[in-house]
Amino acid sequence: MSELEFFWGSGSQPAWSVMLALELKGVPYTSRLLSFSAGDLKTPEFLAMNPRHKVPVIRDGEYVLNESMAILVYLDRKYPKAPLFGQSAEEAGLVWRAIFEFQNHLHPALNVDVVRPIYQGKVEENRAAIEAQMQVVHSELRQYEATLARQPWLAGAEISAADLVVFPHFMSLLRAATRPAAASLKLGILPVERAYPHIAAWQKRVEALPGYDKTFPPHWR
């Protein structure tokens, strides 16, 4: 049986979530690192797997799947050790709630309105919007901080898909905050150990997972 193939791009948060899951579960896989700038996601071979030309994609024998959440569910069903969505209906509810709260409340403000303009070097024309949306981000992060003061992981006592989904986006925020373009912004996120000590401790727990170093975006090093 051939190994599962994992198609990803450096810095893609959804792909990072899936790679964390692969490492956490100890799933054998063949890494297929693609280049955004070289057009690897627009080749006929890749478009045959995902016509939306986005990563991540997995190919497991003849089975091909895109969309990170769908992949996480697939991996959890096929490789149930280290469950990502809990072991009971109650635990599954908490995991999915944490995921949807992130997607519905933190993700839009974080990625679209804060991180993206910093990465694109468009701070000056978006300064007011960035600092306004950071208030939304901080409101959500305060809730994460309170949650992580009570428990080690976002959905309870064990790591779950919620942690794997949120973590790459949080790391992207930290990286954006260190960009020269962000130097004049009042982001209030660094040092994270002072701003959000319980979130910082959670970050270190994720970074201590087996295989974590393999998942870190190569172009961030």
N, C-alpha and C. Protein backbone atom coordinates (compact mmCIF):
# COMPACT_ATOMS: atom_id res chain seq x y z
N MET A 1 0.85 -1.20 0.00
CA MET A 1 0.00 0.00 0.00
C MET A 1 0.88 1.25 0.00
N SER A 2 0.61 2.16 -0.91
CA SER A 2 1.41 3.38 -0.98
C SER A 2 1.03 4.34 0.13
N GLU A 3 2.00 5.17 0.49
CA GLU A 3 1.74 6.16 1.53
C GLU A 3 0.79 7.24 1.04
N LEU A 4 0.07 7.79 1.97
CA LEU A 4 -0.77 8.95 1.69
C LEU A 4 0.12 10.09 1.20
N GLU A 5 -0.31 10.79 0.18
CA GLU A 5 0.42 11.96 -0.33
C GLU A 5 -0.26 13.23 0.20
N PHE A 6 0.56 14.15 0.66
CA PHE A 6 0.06 15.39 1.25
C PHE A 6 0.61 16.56 0.45
N PHE A 7 -0.27 17.28 -0.22
CA PHE A 7 0.10 18.43 -1.04
C PHE A 7 -0.16 19.71 -0.24
N TRP A 8 0.88 20.52 -0.10
CA TRP A 8 0.77 21.68 0.78
C TRP A 8 1.64 22.80 0.27
N GLY A 9 1.47 23.97 0.90
CA GLY A 9 2.29 25.12 0.59
C GLY A 9 2.78 25.77 1.87
N SER A 10 4.00 26.26 1.85
CA SER A 10 4.58 26.87 3.03
C SER A 10 3.81 28.13 3.42
N GLY A 11 3.36 28.18 4.67
CA GLY A 11 2.63 29.34 5.17
C GLY A 11 1.13 29.23 5.05
N SER A 12 0.62 28.21 4.36
CA SER A 12 -0.83 28.00 4.30
C SER A 12 -1.31 27.50 5.66
N GLN A 13 -2.15 28.30 6.32
CA GLN A 13 -2.64 27.89 7.63
C GLN A 13 -3.47 26.61 7.59
N PRO A 14 -4.39 26.46 6.63
CA PRO A 14 -5.15 25.19 6.57
C PRO A 14 -4.25 23.98 6.34
N ALA A 15 -3.22 24.14 5.49
CA ALA A 15 -2.31 23.03 5.27
C ALA A 15 -1.52 22.71 6.53
N TRP A 16 -1.14 23.74 7.27
CA TRP A 16 -0.41 23.53 8.52
C TRP A 16 -1.27 22.74 9.50
N SER A 17 -2.56 23.04 9.57
CA SER A 17 -3.46 22.29 10.45
C SER A 17 -3.44 20.81 10.12
N VAL A 18 -3.50 20.49 8.83
CA VAL A 18 -3.52 19.09 8.42
C VAL A 18 -2.19 18.42 8.72
N MET A 19 -1.09 19.12 8.48
CA MET A 19 0.21 18.52 8.76
C MET A 19 0.39 18.24 10.25
N LEU A 20 -0.11 19.15 11.08
CA LEU A 20 -0.07 18.90 12.52
C LEU A 20 -0.84 17.63 12.87
N ALA A 21 -1.98 17.43 12.22
CA ALA A 21 -2.78 16.23 12.47
C ALA A 21 -2.04 14.98 12.02
N LEU A 22 -1.41 15.03 10.86
CA LEU A 22 -0.66 13.88 10.37
C LEU A 22 0.46 13.50 11.34
N GLU A 23 1.16 14.50 11.84
CA GLU A 23 2.25 14.23 12.78
C GLU A 23 1.72 13.75 14.13
N LEU A 24 0.65 14.37 14.60
CA LEU A 24 0.08 13.98 15.89
C LEU A 24 -0.37 12.53 15.86
N LYS A 25 -0.98 12.12 14.76
CA LYS A 25 -1.49 10.76 14.64
C LYS A 25 -0.44 9.75 14.19
N GLY A 26 0.72 10.23 13.79
CA GLY A 26 1.76 9.33 13.32
C GLY A 26 1.41 8.65 12.01
N VAL A 27 0.70 9.36 11.13
CA VAL A 27 0.30 8.79 9.84
C VAL A 27 1.49 8.86 8.87
N PRO A 28 1.89 7.74 8.28
CA PRO A 28 2.95 7.80 7.26
C PRO A 28 2.44 8.58 6.04
N TYR A 29 3.24 9.52 5.56
CA TYR A 29 2.82 10.29 4.39
C TYR A 29 4.02 10.75 3.59
N THR A 30 3.77 10.99 2.32
CA THR A 30 4.77 11.57 1.44
C THR A 30 4.47 13.05 1.26
N SER A 31 5.41 13.88 1.61
CA SER A 31 5.23 15.33 1.52
C SER A 31 5.41 15.81 0.09
N ARG A 32 4.43 16.59 -0.38
CA ARG A 32 4.51 17.21 -1.70
C ARG A 32 4.41 18.73 -1.51
N LEU A 33 5.55 19.36 -1.26
CA LEU A 33 5.58 20.80 -1.04
C LEU A 33 5.48 21.52 -2.38
N LEU A 34 4.46 22.37 -2.52
CA LEU A 34 4.23 23.10 -3.76
C LEU A 34 4.60 24.56 -3.60
N SER A 35 4.95 25.19 -4.69
CA SER A 35 5.31 26.61 -4.69
C SER A 35 4.16 27.43 -5.24
N PHE A 36 3.70 28.40 -4.46
CA PHE A 36 2.66 29.31 -4.94
C PHE A 36 3.20 30.16 -6.08
N SER A 37 4.39 30.71 -5.90
CA SER A 37 4.94 31.65 -6.88
C SER A 37 5.29 30.98 -8.20
N ALA A 38 5.63 29.70 -8.16
CA ALA A 38 6.01 28.99 -9.38
C ALA A 38 4.79 28.47 -10.15
N GLY A 39 3.61 28.66 -9.59
CA GLY A 39 2.41 28.22 -10.29
C GLY A 39 2.08 26.75 -10.15
N ASP A 40 2.65 26.11 -9.13
CA ASP A 40 2.42 24.67 -8.96
C ASP A 40 0.95 24.32 -8.73
N LEU A 41 0.18 25.26 -8.20
CA LEU A 41 -1.22 24.98 -7.89
C LEU A 41 -2.12 25.16 -9.12
N LYS A 42 -1.51 25.54 -10.24
CA LYS A 42 -2.29 25.74 -11.46
C LYS A 42 -1.88 24.78 -12.58
N THR A 43 -1.09 23.78 -12.23
CA THR A 43 -0.72 22.78 -13.23
C THR A 43 -1.90 21.86 -13.51
N PRO A 44 -1.96 21.26 -14.67
CA PRO A 44 -3.06 20.33 -14.97
C PRO A 44 -3.18 19.20 -13.96
N GLU A 45 -2.02 18.69 -13.48
CA GLU A 45 -2.07 17.59 -12.52
C GLU A 45 -2.75 18.03 -11.23
N PHE A 46 -2.35 19.21 -10.75
CA PHE A 46 -2.95 19.65 -9.48
C PHE A 46 -4.41 20.04 -9.67
N LEU A 47 -4.73 20.72 -10.75
CA LEU A 47 -6.12 21.13 -10.99
C LEU A 47 -7.04 19.92 -11.14
N ALA A 48 -6.49 18.79 -11.57
CA ALA A 48 -7.30 17.58 -11.65
C ALA A 48 -7.69 17.09 -10.26
N MET A 49 -6.86 17.41 -9.26
CA MET A 49 -7.17 17.03 -7.89
C MET A 49 -8.04 18.09 -7.20
N ASN A 50 -7.75 19.35 -7.46
CA ASN A 50 -8.53 20.43 -6.87
C ASN A 50 -8.62 21.59 -7.84
N PRO A 51 -9.72 21.70 -8.57
CA PRO A 51 -9.86 22.78 -9.55
C PRO A 51 -9.90 24.17 -8.94
N ARG A 52 -10.02 24.25 -7.63
CA ARG A 52 -9.99 25.56 -6.94
C ARG A 52 -8.55 26.03 -6.73
N HIS A 53 -7.59 25.24 -7.14
CA HIS A 53 -6.14 25.51 -7.01
C HIS A 53 -5.78 26.05 -5.62
N LYS A 54 -6.18 25.27 -4.61
CA LYS A 54 -5.83 25.60 -3.23
C LYS A 54 -5.29 24.36 -2.52
N VAL A 55 -4.43 24.59 -1.55
CA VAL A 55 -3.97 23.52 -0.67
C VAL A 55 -4.66 23.71 0.68
N PRO A 56 -4.75 22.60 1.44
CA PRO A 56 -4.14 21.29 1.25
C PRO A 56 -5.01 20.35 0.41
N VAL A 57 -4.33 19.33 -0.09
CA VAL A 57 -4.99 18.20 -0.75
C VAL A 57 -4.28 16.94 -0.29
N ILE A 58 -5.03 15.88 -0.08
CA ILE A 58 -4.43 14.57 0.17
C ILE A 58 -4.84 13.62 -0.94
N ARG A 59 -3.94 12.69 -1.24
CA ARG A 59 -4.25 11.59 -2.16
C ARG A 59 -3.88 10.30 -1.45
N ASP A 60 -4.88 9.51 -1.15
CA ASP A 60 -4.71 8.26 -0.41
C ASP A 60 -5.12 7.12 -1.33
N GLY A 61 -4.15 6.60 -2.08
CA GLY A 61 -4.49 5.63 -3.12
C GLY A 61 -5.24 6.35 -4.23
N GLU A 62 -6.45 5.89 -4.49
CA GLU A 62 -7.28 6.52 -5.53
C GLU A 62 -8.16 7.64 -4.95
N TYR A 63 -8.14 7.77 -3.65
CA TYR A 63 -9.03 8.74 -2.99
C TYR A 63 -8.32 10.08 -2.87
N VAL A 64 -8.96 11.12 -3.38
CA VAL A 64 -8.41 12.47 -3.34
C VAL A 64 -9.38 13.37 -2.60
N LEU A 65 -8.84 14.21 -1.71
CA LEU A 65 -9.71 15.08 -0.91
C LEU A 65 -9.03 16.43 -0.69
N ASN A 66 -9.81 17.50 -0.87
CA ASN A 66 -9.33 18.84 -0.52
C ASN A 66 -10.22 19.38 0.60
N GLU A 67 -9.95 20.59 1.02
CA GLU A 67 -10.60 21.29 2.14
C GLU A 67 -10.09 20.72 3.48
N SER A 68 -9.43 21.58 4.23
CA SER A 68 -8.72 21.13 5.43
C SER A 68 -9.64 20.48 6.47
N MET A 69 -10.84 21.03 6.68
CA MET A 69 -11.72 20.44 7.68
C MET A 69 -12.18 19.06 7.25
N ALA A 70 -12.48 18.91 5.96
CA ALA A 70 -12.87 17.60 5.45
C ALA A 70 -11.72 16.60 5.62
N ILE A 71 -10.50 17.05 5.37
CA ILE A 71 -9.34 16.17 5.53
C ILE A 71 -9.15 15.77 6.98
N LEU A 72 -9.32 16.71 7.90
CA LEU A 72 -9.19 16.39 9.33
C LEU A 72 -10.21 15.33 9.75
N VAL A 73 -11.43 15.46 9.27
CA VAL A 73 -12.46 14.47 9.60
C VAL A 73 -12.08 13.11 9.00
N TYR A 74 -11.62 13.12 7.76
CA TYR A 74 -11.21 11.86 7.11
C TYR A 74 -10.09 11.19 7.89
N LEU A 75 -9.07 11.95 8.25
CA LEU A 75 -7.95 11.38 8.99
C LEU A 75 -8.40 10.83 10.33
N ASP A 76 -9.33 11.52 10.97
CA ASP A 76 -9.78 11.08 12.28
C ASP A 76 -10.57 9.79 12.20
N ARG A 77 -11.34 9.64 11.12
CA ARG A 77 -12.11 8.40 10.95
C ARG A 77 -11.20 7.24 10.56
N LYS A 78 -10.22 7.51 9.73
CA LYS A 78 -9.35 6.43 9.24
C LYS A 78 -8.26 6.07 10.24
N TYR A 79 -7.81 7.07 11.01
CA TYR A 79 -6.75 6.85 11.99
C TYR A 79 -7.25 7.36 13.35
N PRO A 80 -8.06 6.57 14.04
CA PRO A 80 -8.74 7.08 15.24
C PRO A 80 -7.84 7.33 16.45
N LYS A 81 -6.62 6.79 16.44
CA LYS A 81 -5.74 7.04 17.58
C LYS A 81 -5.42 8.52 17.67
N ALA A 82 -5.41 9.06 18.88
CA ALA A 82 -5.30 10.50 19.13
C ALA A 82 -6.49 11.20 18.47
N PRO A 83 -7.70 10.94 18.98
CA PRO A 83 -8.91 11.49 18.35
C PRO A 83 -8.92 13.01 18.33
N LEU A 84 -9.33 13.55 17.20
CA LEU A 84 -9.36 15.00 17.02
C LEU A 84 -10.70 15.62 17.34
N PHE A 85 -11.75 14.81 17.34
CA PHE A 85 -13.09 15.35 17.54
C PHE A 85 -13.77 14.73 18.75
N GLY A 86 -12.98 14.39 19.77
CA GLY A 86 -13.53 13.87 21.00
C GLY A 86 -13.91 12.41 20.91
N GLN A 87 -14.28 11.87 22.07
CA GLN A 87 -14.66 10.46 22.14
C GLN A 87 -16.11 10.28 22.57
N SER A 88 -16.83 11.36 22.71
CA SER A 88 -18.24 11.29 23.08
C SER A 88 -18.98 12.40 22.34
N ALA A 89 -20.29 12.30 22.35
CA ALA A 89 -21.10 13.35 21.71
C ALA A 89 -20.84 14.70 22.36
N GLU A 90 -20.69 14.70 23.67
CA GLU A 90 -20.46 15.95 24.39
C GLU A 90 -19.11 16.56 23.99
N GLU A 91 -18.08 15.73 23.94
CA GLU A 91 -16.76 16.24 23.56
C GLU A 91 -16.75 16.73 22.12
N ALA A 92 -17.41 15.99 21.23
CA ALA A 92 -17.48 16.42 19.83
C ALA A 92 -18.17 17.77 19.71
N GLY A 93 -19.22 17.97 20.50
CA GLY A 93 -19.92 19.25 20.48
C GLY A 93 -19.01 20.40 20.87
N LEU A 94 -18.18 20.19 21.89
CA LEU A 94 -17.27 21.24 22.35
C LEU A 94 -16.20 21.54 21.31
N VAL A 95 -15.70 20.49 20.65
CA VAL A 95 -14.67 20.70 19.62
C VAL A 95 -15.24 21.50 18.46
N TRP A 96 -16.40 21.08 17.96
CA TRP A 96 -16.99 21.79 16.82
C TRP A 96 -17.40 23.21 17.19
N ARG A 97 -17.87 23.40 18.42
CA ARG A 97 -18.20 24.76 18.84
C ARG A 97 -16.97 25.65 18.80
N ALA A 98 -15.84 25.16 19.31
CA ALA A 98 -14.61 25.95 19.31
C ALA A 98 -14.17 26.27 17.88
N ILE A 99 -14.32 25.31 16.98
CA ILE A 99 -13.94 25.54 15.58
C ILE A 99 -14.83 26.60 14.94
N PHE A 100 -16.13 26.47 15.12
CA PHE A 100 -17.05 27.42 14.49
C PHE A 100 -16.97 28.80 15.13
N GLU A 101 -16.71 28.86 16.43
CA GLU A 101 -16.53 30.18 17.05
C GLU A 101 -15.32 30.88 16.43
N PHE A 102 -14.25 30.13 16.21
CA PHE A 102 -13.08 30.72 15.56
C PHE A 102 -13.42 31.18 14.15
N GLN A 103 -14.03 30.29 13.37
CA GLN A 103 -14.31 30.61 11.98
C GLN A 103 -15.29 31.77 11.82
N ASN A 104 -16.24 31.87 12.73
CA ASN A 104 -17.29 32.89 12.59
C ASN A 104 -16.92 34.23 13.22
N HIS A 105 -16.04 34.22 14.22
CA HIS A 105 -15.80 35.45 14.98
C HIS A 105 -14.36 35.97 14.89
N LEU A 106 -13.38 35.09 15.06
CA LEU A 106 -11.99 35.56 15.07
C LEU A 106 -11.37 35.57 13.68
N HIS A 107 -11.60 34.54 12.92
CA HIS A 107 -10.94 34.39 11.63
C HIS A 107 -11.15 35.57 10.68
N PRO A 108 -12.37 36.08 10.49
CA PRO A 108 -12.55 37.18 9.53
C PRO A 108 -11.75 38.42 9.89
N ALA A 109 -11.81 38.82 11.15
CA ALA A 109 -11.08 40.02 11.57
C ALA A 109 -9.58 39.78 11.52
N LEU A 110 -9.16 38.61 11.94
CA LEU A 110 -7.73 38.31 12.04
C LEU A 110 -7.06 38.23 10.67
N ASN A 111 -7.57 37.37 9.82
CA ASN A 111 -6.88 37.11 8.55
C ASN A 111 -7.11 38.20 7.51
N VAL A 112 -8.36 38.58 7.33
CA VAL A 112 -8.70 39.49 6.24
C VAL A 112 -8.33 40.93 6.58
N ASP A 113 -8.64 41.34 7.79
CA ASP A 113 -8.53 42.77 8.12
C ASP A 113 -7.24 43.16 8.83
N VAL A 114 -6.51 42.19 9.39
CA VAL A 114 -5.29 42.52 10.12
C VAL A 114 -4.05 41.93 9.45
N VAL A 115 -3.99 40.61 9.37
CA VAL A 115 -2.77 39.95 8.89
C VAL A 115 -2.52 40.24 7.41
N ARG A 116 -3.55 40.13 6.59
CA ARG A 116 -3.35 40.27 5.14
C ARG A 116 -2.77 41.62 4.74
N PRO A 117 -3.33 42.74 5.20
CA PRO A 117 -2.74 44.02 4.79
C PRO A 117 -1.32 44.22 5.31
N ILE A 118 -0.98 43.62 6.45
CA ILE A 118 0.40 43.73 6.93
C ILE A 118 1.33 42.96 6.01
N TYR A 119 0.96 41.73 5.69
CA TYR A 119 1.80 40.92 4.79
C TYR A 119 1.92 41.57 3.41
N GLN A 120 0.86 42.23 2.97
CA GLN A 120 0.87 42.84 1.63
C GLN A 120 1.51 44.22 1.61
N GLY A 121 1.96 44.70 2.76
CA GLY A 121 2.58 46.02 2.82
C GLY A 121 1.61 47.15 2.60
N LYS A 122 0.36 46.95 3.00
CA LYS A 122 -0.67 47.97 2.79
C LYS A 122 -1.18 48.51 4.12
N VAL A 123 -0.25 48.79 5.02
CA VAL A 123 -0.61 49.25 6.35
C VAL A 123 -1.16 50.67 6.34
N GLU A 124 -0.49 51.57 5.66
CA GLU A 124 -0.87 52.98 5.75
C GLU A 124 -2.30 53.22 5.29
N GLU A 125 -2.68 52.63 4.18
CA GLU A 125 -4.03 52.85 3.68
C GLU A 125 -5.09 52.06 4.46
N ASN A 126 -4.64 51.15 5.34
CA ASN A 126 -5.58 50.35 6.12
C ASN A 126 -5.39 50.51 7.63
N ARG A 127 -4.60 51.52 8.03
CA ARG A 127 -4.24 51.66 9.44
C ARG A 127 -5.46 51.70 10.36
N ALA A 128 -6.42 52.56 10.06
CA ALA A 128 -7.59 52.70 10.94
C ALA A 128 -8.37 51.40 11.02
N ALA A 129 -8.53 50.73 9.89
CA ALA A 129 -9.28 49.47 9.88
C ALA A 129 -8.54 48.38 10.65
N ILE A 130 -7.22 48.32 10.49
CA ILE A 130 -6.43 47.31 11.20
C ILE A 130 -6.56 47.50 12.70
N GLU A 131 -6.37 48.73 13.17
CA GLU A 131 -6.41 48.96 14.62
C GLU A 131 -7.82 48.79 15.16
N ALA A 132 -8.85 49.09 14.36
CA ALA A 132 -10.22 48.86 14.80
C ALA A 132 -10.50 47.36 14.90
N GLN A 133 -10.05 46.60 13.91
CA GLN A 133 -10.29 45.16 13.93
C GLN A 133 -9.46 44.46 15.00
N MET A 134 -8.34 45.04 15.38
CA MET A 134 -7.57 44.44 16.47
C MET A 134 -8.35 44.47 17.77
N GLN A 135 -9.28 45.41 17.90
CA GLN A 135 -10.13 45.39 19.10
C GLN A 135 -11.01 44.15 19.10
N VAL A 136 -11.50 43.77 17.93
CA VAL A 136 -12.27 42.52 17.81
C VAL A 136 -11.38 41.32 18.13
N VAL A 137 -10.17 41.34 17.57
CA VAL A 137 -9.22 40.25 17.82
C VAL A 137 -8.93 40.12 19.31
N HIS A 138 -8.67 41.23 19.98
CA HIS A 138 -8.37 41.17 21.41
C HIS A 138 -9.58 40.70 22.21
N SER A 139 -10.76 41.09 21.81
CA SER A 139 -11.95 40.61 22.50
C SER A 139 -12.05 39.09 22.44
N GLU A 140 -11.76 38.53 21.28
CA GLU A 140 -11.78 37.08 21.14
C GLU A 140 -10.62 36.43 21.88
N LEU A 141 -9.42 37.02 21.79
CA LEU A 141 -8.27 36.44 22.47
C LEU A 141 -8.45 36.45 23.98
N ARG A 142 -9.14 37.43 24.51
CA ARG A 142 -9.40 37.43 25.96
C ARG A 142 -10.25 36.23 26.35
N GLN A 143 -11.16 35.84 25.48
CA GLN A 143 -11.96 34.65 25.76
C GLN A 143 -11.11 33.39 25.69
N TYR A 144 -10.20 33.34 24.72
CA TYR A 144 -9.27 32.21 24.65
C TYR A 144 -8.40 32.16 25.91
N GLU A 145 -7.94 33.32 26.34
CA GLU A 145 -7.10 33.38 27.53
C GLU A 145 -7.85 32.84 28.75
N ALA A 146 -9.12 33.21 28.89
CA ALA A 146 -9.92 32.72 30.01
C ALA A 146 -10.14 31.22 29.91
N THR A 147 -10.39 30.73 28.71
CA THR A 147 -10.57 29.28 28.51
C THR A 147 -9.31 28.52 28.88
N LEU A 148 -8.18 29.00 28.41
CA LEU A 148 -6.92 28.30 28.63
C LEU A 148 -6.39 28.48 30.06
N ALA A 149 -6.97 29.38 30.80
CA ALA A 149 -6.65 29.47 32.23
C ALA A 149 -7.31 28.33 33.00
N ARG A 150 -8.40 27.78 32.43
CA ARG A 150 -9.14 26.71 33.09
C ARG A 150 -8.73 25.33 32.63
N GLN A 151 -8.23 25.23 31.39
CA GLN A 151 -7.95 23.92 30.80
C GLN A 151 -6.79 24.05 29.83
N PRO A 152 -6.08 22.95 29.56
CA PRO A 152 -4.87 23.06 28.73
C PRO A 152 -5.12 23.24 27.24
N TRP A 153 -6.30 22.81 26.75
CA TRP A 153 -6.57 22.88 25.32
C TRP A 153 -7.90 23.58 25.08
N LEU A 154 -8.12 24.01 23.86
CA LEU A 154 -9.27 24.88 23.58
C LEU A 154 -10.61 24.23 23.82
N ALA A 155 -10.69 22.90 23.67
CA ALA A 155 -11.97 22.22 23.84
C ALA A 155 -11.99 21.29 25.03
N GLY A 156 -10.97 21.35 25.90
CA GLY A 156 -11.01 20.49 27.08
C GLY A 156 -9.64 20.04 27.53
N ALA A 157 -9.60 18.83 28.07
CA ALA A 157 -8.37 18.31 28.67
C ALA A 157 -7.41 17.72 27.64
N GLU A 158 -7.89 17.45 26.43
CA GLU A 158 -7.06 16.83 25.39
C GLU A 158 -6.97 17.73 24.17
N ILE A 159 -5.86 17.63 23.47
CA ILE A 159 -5.72 18.36 22.22
C ILE A 159 -6.78 17.88 21.24
N SER A 160 -7.25 18.78 20.39
CA SER A 160 -8.31 18.43 19.45
C SER A 160 -8.12 19.18 18.14
N ALA A 161 -9.02 18.94 17.21
CA ALA A 161 -8.99 19.65 15.93
C ALA A 161 -9.09 21.15 16.14
N ALA A 162 -9.76 21.59 17.19
CA ALA A 162 -9.88 23.03 17.44
C ALA A 162 -8.50 23.67 17.61
N ASP A 163 -7.63 23.02 18.35
CA ASP A 163 -6.28 23.56 18.55
C ASP A 163 -5.51 23.59 17.24
N LEU A 164 -5.65 22.53 16.44
CA LEU A 164 -4.92 22.44 15.19
C LEU A 164 -5.41 23.46 14.18
N VAL A 165 -6.69 23.81 14.24
CA VAL A 165 -7.26 24.81 13.33
C VAL A 165 -6.82 26.22 13.73
N VAL A 166 -6.88 26.53 15.00
CA VAL A 166 -6.62 27.90 15.47
C VAL A 166 -5.13 28.22 15.48
N PHE A 167 -4.31 27.27 15.89
CA PHE A 167 -2.89 27.52 16.11
C PHE A 167 -2.18 28.18 14.93
N PRO A 168 -2.29 27.66 13.69
CA PRO A 168 -1.56 28.30 12.59
C PRO A 168 -1.95 29.75 12.35
N HIS A 169 -3.21 30.08 12.56
CA HIS A 169 -3.66 31.45 12.37
C HIS A 169 -3.09 32.36 13.47
N PHE A 170 -3.03 31.84 14.68
CA PHE A 170 -2.44 32.62 15.77
C PHE A 170 -0.96 32.88 15.49
N MET A 171 -0.27 31.85 15.00
CA MET A 171 1.14 32.02 14.68
C MET A 171 1.33 33.02 13.54
N SER A 172 0.41 33.04 12.61
CA SER A 172 0.49 34.01 11.53
C SER A 172 0.34 35.43 12.05
N LEU A 173 -0.53 35.61 13.05
CA LEU A 173 -0.68 36.92 13.68
C LEU A 173 0.63 37.34 14.35
N LEU A 174 1.24 36.41 15.09
CA LEU A 174 2.51 36.74 15.75
C LEU A 174 3.58 37.11 14.74
N ARG A 175 3.63 36.38 13.64
CA ARG A 175 4.63 36.69 12.60
C ARG A 175 4.34 38.05 11.98
N ALA A 176 3.07 38.34 11.71
CA ALA A 176 2.72 39.64 11.13
C ALA A 176 3.13 40.78 12.06
N ALA A 177 2.98 40.55 13.36
CA ALA A 177 3.31 41.60 14.34
C ALA A 177 4.79 41.93 14.35
N THR A 178 5.63 41.01 13.86
CA THR A 178 7.08 41.26 13.83
C THR A 178 7.54 41.85 12.51
N ARG A 179 6.64 41.98 11.53
CA ARG A 179 7.03 42.53 10.23
C ARG A 179 7.36 44.02 10.37
N PRO A 180 8.33 44.52 9.63
CA PRO A 180 8.64 45.95 9.67
C PRO A 180 7.42 46.82 9.39
N ALA A 181 6.53 46.35 8.53
CA ALA A 181 5.34 47.13 8.19
C ALA A 181 4.43 47.34 9.39
N ALA A 182 4.54 46.47 10.40
CA ALA A 182 3.66 46.56 11.56
C ALA A 182 4.26 47.37 12.70
N ALA A 183 5.49 47.86 12.51
CA ALA A 183 6.20 48.51 13.60
C ALA A 183 5.45 49.71 14.16
N SER A 184 4.74 50.44 13.31
CA SER A 184 4.06 51.65 13.76
C SER A 184 2.62 51.39 14.23
N LEU A 185 2.18 50.14 14.15
CA LEU A 185 0.82 49.81 14.56
C LEU A 185 0.75 49.53 16.05
N LYS A 186 -0.38 49.82 16.63
CA LYS A 186 -0.61 49.52 18.04
C LYS A 186 -1.40 48.21 18.13
N LEU A 187 -0.66 47.09 17.93
CA LEU A 187 -1.33 45.79 17.90
C LEU A 187 -1.55 45.22 19.30
N GLY A 188 -0.64 45.51 20.22
CA GLY A 188 -0.82 45.06 21.60
C GLY A 188 -0.73 43.56 21.78
N ILE A 189 0.01 42.87 20.91
CA ILE A 189 0.07 41.41 20.98
C ILE A 189 1.43 40.89 21.46
N LEU A 190 2.47 41.73 21.35
CA LEU A 190 3.82 41.32 21.72
C LEU A 190 4.34 42.11 22.91
N PRO A 191 5.10 41.45 23.79
CA PRO A 191 5.36 40.02 23.82
C PRO A 191 4.12 39.25 24.26
N VAL A 192 3.84 38.13 23.61
CA VAL A 192 2.61 37.40 23.89
C VAL A 192 2.61 36.84 25.31
N GLU A 193 3.80 36.56 25.86
CA GLU A 193 3.87 36.03 27.23
C GLU A 193 3.33 37.04 28.24
N ARG A 194 3.43 38.31 27.90
CA ARG A 194 2.91 39.34 28.79
C ARG A 194 1.45 39.66 28.47
N ALA A 195 1.14 39.72 27.19
CA ALA A 195 -0.22 40.08 26.78
C ALA A 195 -1.21 38.98 27.10
N TYR A 196 -0.82 37.73 26.82
CA TYR A 196 -1.72 36.59 27.00
C TYR A 196 -0.92 35.38 27.49
N PRO A 197 -0.59 35.34 28.77
CA PRO A 197 0.30 34.27 29.26
C PRO A 197 -0.25 32.86 29.09
N HIS A 198 -1.57 32.69 29.23
CA HIS A 198 -2.13 31.34 29.09
C HIS A 198 -2.14 30.90 27.63
N ILE A 199 -2.36 31.83 26.72
CA ILE A 199 -2.26 31.51 25.30
C ILE A 199 -0.81 31.18 24.95
N ALA A 200 0.13 31.92 25.51
CA ALA A 200 1.55 31.65 25.27
C ALA A 200 1.93 30.25 25.75
N ALA A 201 1.38 29.84 26.89
CA ALA A 201 1.66 28.49 27.40
C ALA A 201 1.06 27.43 26.48
N TRP A 202 -0.15 27.72 25.95
CA TRP A 202 -0.79 26.81 24.98
C TRP A 202 0.07 26.71 23.71
N GLN A 203 0.59 27.83 23.26
CA GLN A 203 1.46 27.83 22.08
C GLN A 203 2.64 26.90 22.30
N LYS A 204 3.25 26.96 23.47
CA LYS A 204 4.40 26.11 23.77
C LYS A 204 4.01 24.64 23.84
N ARG A 205 2.79 24.35 24.31
CA ARG A 205 2.34 22.95 24.33
C ARG A 205 2.22 22.40 22.92
N VAL A 206 1.69 23.21 22.00
CA VAL A 206 1.60 22.76 20.61
C VAL A 206 3.00 22.57 20.04
N GLU A 207 3.89 23.50 20.30
CA GLU A 207 5.24 23.43 19.76
C GLU A 207 6.02 22.24 20.31
N ALA A 208 5.57 21.69 21.44
CA ALA A 208 6.25 20.54 22.04
C ALA A 208 5.73 19.21 21.50
N LEU A 209 4.73 19.25 20.62
CA LEU A 209 4.17 18.01 20.07
C LEU A 209 5.22 17.28 19.22
N PRO A 210 5.20 15.95 19.23
CA PRO A 210 6.13 15.20 18.37
C PRO A 210 5.93 15.57 16.90
N GLY A 211 7.03 15.82 16.20
CA GLY A 211 6.97 16.13 14.78
C GLY A 211 6.65 17.57 14.47
N TYR A 212 6.50 18.41 15.50
CA TYR A 212 6.13 19.81 15.25
C TYR A 212 7.11 20.51 14.32
N ASP A 213 8.41 20.30 14.52
CA ASP A 213 9.41 21.00 13.72
C ASP A 213 9.22 20.75 12.23
N LYS A 214 8.74 19.56 11.87
CA LYS A 214 8.52 19.24 10.46
C LYS A 214 7.40 20.07 9.86
N THR A 215 6.49 20.54 10.70
CA THR A 215 5.32 21.26 10.20
C THR A 215 5.58 22.75 10.04
N PHE A 216 6.63 23.27 10.63
CA PHE A 216 6.85 24.71 10.63
C PHE A 216 7.13 25.20 9.21
N PRO A 217 6.46 26.26 8.77
CA PRO A 217 6.63 26.74 7.39
C PRO A 217 8.08 27.00 7.05
N PRO A 218 8.60 26.35 6.02
CA PRO A 218 10.03 26.50 5.68
C PRO A 218 10.43 27.95 5.45
N HIS A 219 9.59 28.74 4.80
CA HIS A 219 10.03 30.11 4.47
C HIS A 219 9.91 31.05 5.66
N TRP A 220 9.41 30.56 6.79
CA TRP A 220 9.39 31.37 8.00
C TRP A 220 10.69 31.26 8.78
N ARG A 221 11.50 30.28 8.48
CA ARG A 221 12.69 30.02 9.29
C ARG A 221 13.76 31.10 9.06
